[in-house]
Protein backbone atom coordinates (compact mmCIF):
# COMPACT_ATOMS: atom_id res chain seq x y z
CA MET A 1 0.32 0.01 -0.13
CA LYS A 2 2.78 2.35 0.66
CA LEU A 3 4.24 1.80 -2.76
CA LEU A 4 1.32 2.74 -4.22
CA ILE A 5 0.64 5.61 -2.72
CA THR A 6 4.33 6.62 -2.77
CA THR A 7 4.20 5.95 -6.68
CA LEU A 8 1.14 8.16 -7.29
CA LEU A 9 2.73 10.93 -5.31
CA LEU A 10 5.45 11.07 -7.51
CA ILE A 11 3.77 10.59 -10.51
CA PHE A 12 1.59 13.80 -9.52
CA ASN A 13 4.65 15.59 -8.42
CA LEU A 14 6.21 14.87 -12.27
CA THR A 15 2.87 15.84 -13.91
CA LEU A 16 3.10 19.19 -11.83
CA PHE A 17 6.97 19.56 -13.00
CA ALA A 18 5.88 18.81 -16.86
CA GLN A 19 3.36 21.69 -16.86
CA SER A 20 5.68 24.65 -15.42
CA ASN A 21 8.72 23.45 -18.11
CA GLN A 22 6.15 24.36 -21.04
CA PHE A 23 6.48 28.12 -20.05
CA VAL A 24 10.11 28.39 -20.10
CA GLY A 25 11.96 29.54 -22.72
CA ASN A 26 12.95 32.94 -24.83
CA TYR A 27 9.93 35.01 -25.57
CA GLU A 28 10.36 37.70 -28.44
CA ARG A 29 8.42 40.18 -30.71
CA SER A 30 9.89 42.84 -33.08
CA LEU A 31 8.09 45.96 -34.59
CA GLY A 32 8.71 48.59 -36.87
CA ASP A 33 8.46 50.01 -40.52
CA THR A 34 9.54 48.21 -43.90
CA GLU A 35 12.31 51.41 -43.92
CA GLY A 36 14.11 50.14 -40.80
CA LYS A 37 13.15 53.85 -39.85
CA HIS A 38 11.57 52.78 -36.11
CA VAL A 39 12.01 49.52 -35.08
CA PHE A 40 11.01 47.75 -31.19
CA GLU A 41 12.05 44.85 -29.91
CA TYR A 42 10.80 43.01 -26.69
CA LYS A 43 13.38 39.72 -25.52
CA LEU A 44 11.83 38.37 -22.14
CA THR A 45 13.43 34.47 -20.96
CA LEU A 46 11.14 32.85 -18.35
CA ASN A 47 14.11 30.35 -16.69
CA GLN A 48 13.63 27.38 -15.02
CA ASP A 49 13.87 28.14 -11.22
CA GLY A 50 11.34 30.50 -11.82
CA THR A 51 13.39 34.20 -12.46
CA PHE A 52 12.74 35.74 -15.60
CA VAL A 53 14.59 38.82 -17.80
CA PHE A 54 13.35 41.22 -19.85
CA HIS A 55 14.91 43.43 -22.45
CA TYR A 56 12.66 46.43 -24.38
CA TYR A 57 14.96 47.63 -27.08
CA SER A 58 13.79 50.78 -29.44
CA ASN A 59 15.58 52.65 -31.90
CA ILE A 60 13.23 56.06 -33.74
CA LYS A 61 15.31 57.61 -36.07
CA GLN A 62 13.67 61.20 -34.92
CA GLY A 63 13.34 60.35 -31.29
CA ILE A 64 15.25 61.86 -28.79
CA PRO A 65 16.87 59.71 -27.57
CA PRO A 66 16.83 57.70 -30.82
CA GLU A 67 18.00 54.68 -28.68
CA VAL A 68 16.19 52.93 -26.02
CA ASN A 69 16.97 50.14 -23.96
CA LYS A 70 15.28 49.14 -20.53
CA TYR A 71 15.21 46.06 -18.88
CA GLY A 72 13.11 44.12 -15.81
CA LYS A 73 13.75 40.91 -14.15
CA GLY A 74 12.03 39.26 -11.23
CA LYS A 75 10.48 35.69 -10.63
CA TRP A 76 7.41 34.26 -12.36
CA SER A 77 5.05 32.09 -11.13
CA ALA A 78 2.17 30.12 -12.82
CA LYS A 79 -1.29 28.93 -12.07
CA ASP A 80 -3.38 27.21 -15.21
CA ASN A 81 -2.22 29.30 -18.03
CA LEU A 82 -1.72 32.58 -15.76
CA ILE A 83 1.99 33.63 -15.38
CA THR A 84 2.34 36.16 -12.51
CA PHE A 85 5.71 38.52 -12.64
CA SER A 86 6.54 39.93 -9.44
CA SER A 87 9.63 42.26 -8.27
CA ASN A 88 11.55 42.65 -5.70
CA LYS A 89 12.56 46.41 -5.09
CA LYS A 90 15.97 45.36 -2.81
CA GLU A 91 16.92 42.65 -5.44
CA ASP A 92 16.04 43.03 -8.55
CA PHE A 93 16.46 46.70 -9.15
CA ASP A 94 19.93 48.76 -9.92
CA GLU A 95 20.97 51.28 -12.35
CA LYS A 96 20.09 48.82 -15.38
CA TYR A 97 16.91 46.76 -13.90
CA THR A 98 14.46 49.65 -13.70
CA LEU A 99 10.94 47.92 -15.05
CA ASP A 100 8.43 46.89 -12.13
CA PHE A 101 7.08 44.27 -12.82
CA ASN A 102 5.20 43.90 -9.77
CA ASN A 103 1.25 43.10 -10.81
CA SER A 104 1.93 42.01 -14.01
CA ILE A 105 -0.12 39.07 -15.72
CA ALA A 106 0.51 36.99 -19.01
CA ARG A 107 -1.78 34.52 -20.43
CA PHE A 108 0.20 31.59 -21.77
CA VAL A 109 -1.75 31.24 -25.04
CA THR A 110 -0.75 27.41 -27.24
CA LYS A 111 -2.89 24.86 -29.60
CA ASN A 112 -5.07 22.65 -27.84
CA PRO A 113 -3.35 19.20 -27.90
CA ARG A 114 -6.88 17.87 -28.65
CA ASP A 115 -7.54 20.27 -31.69
CA LYS A 116 -6.30 17.94 -34.64
CA SER A 117 -7.51 20.63 -37.10
CA ASP A 118 -4.40 22.01 -39.08
CA LYS A 119 -4.75 25.33 -38.00
CA ILE A 120 -1.42 27.14 -36.90
CA VAL A 121 -0.87 28.46 -33.55
CA LYS A 122 1.83 29.64 -32.43
CA THR A 123 2.65 29.69 -28.59
CA LYS A 124 2.66 33.19 -27.10
CA LEU A 125 2.24 34.98 -24.04
CA THR A 126 -0.06 37.88 -24.25
CA ILE A 127 0.54 40.55 -21.37
CA LEU A 128 -3.19 41.17 -19.85
CA GLU A 129 -2.30 43.15 -16.66
CA SER A 130 1.05 45.42 -16.04
CA GLY A 131 2.05 48.55 -14.06
CA ILE A 132 3.87 49.26 -17.26
CA SER A 133 1.29 50.31 -19.99
CA TRP A 134 3.08 49.96 -22.78
CA LEU A 135 3.52 46.42 -22.12
CA GLN A 136 -0.53 45.77 -21.96
CA ARG A 137 -2.11 43.52 -24.51
CA LEU A 138 1.53 42.65 -25.73
CA ASP A 139 2.10 39.15 -27.58
CA VAL A 140 5.57 38.00 -26.96
CA PHE A 141 6.22 34.82 -29.64
CA LYS A 142 8.32 31.14 -28.19
CA MET A 143 11.08 30.83 -30.05
């Protein structure tokens, strides 16, 4: 009986671990015009240890300043298909990492495994809520 219960607990824990692995990886999005005058790049990395790093880059030829780099980092956690981001003021902020991801939530979107159609659905994160206004409703695609 002990062996049966231990085996069931092990299987249950492995399925929980495997589900969080689906979120781990690099997500990117590039926007801009065809002439290359305006470029916006978003890169988000979700690490296996529950940490994340975000980089925003923009290059606007007529902008002041023309190039902008912004960074953020912190911790992430997943429940169902929602990912919650948090940043610790003491650990995650310095001269380089200035973006505050507290209270930011993203939805993980992928093709349903029961969907047997030929429809192509790119795996992505859609940022639903954030204190950073220009991040809201942004889609970043898994690479």
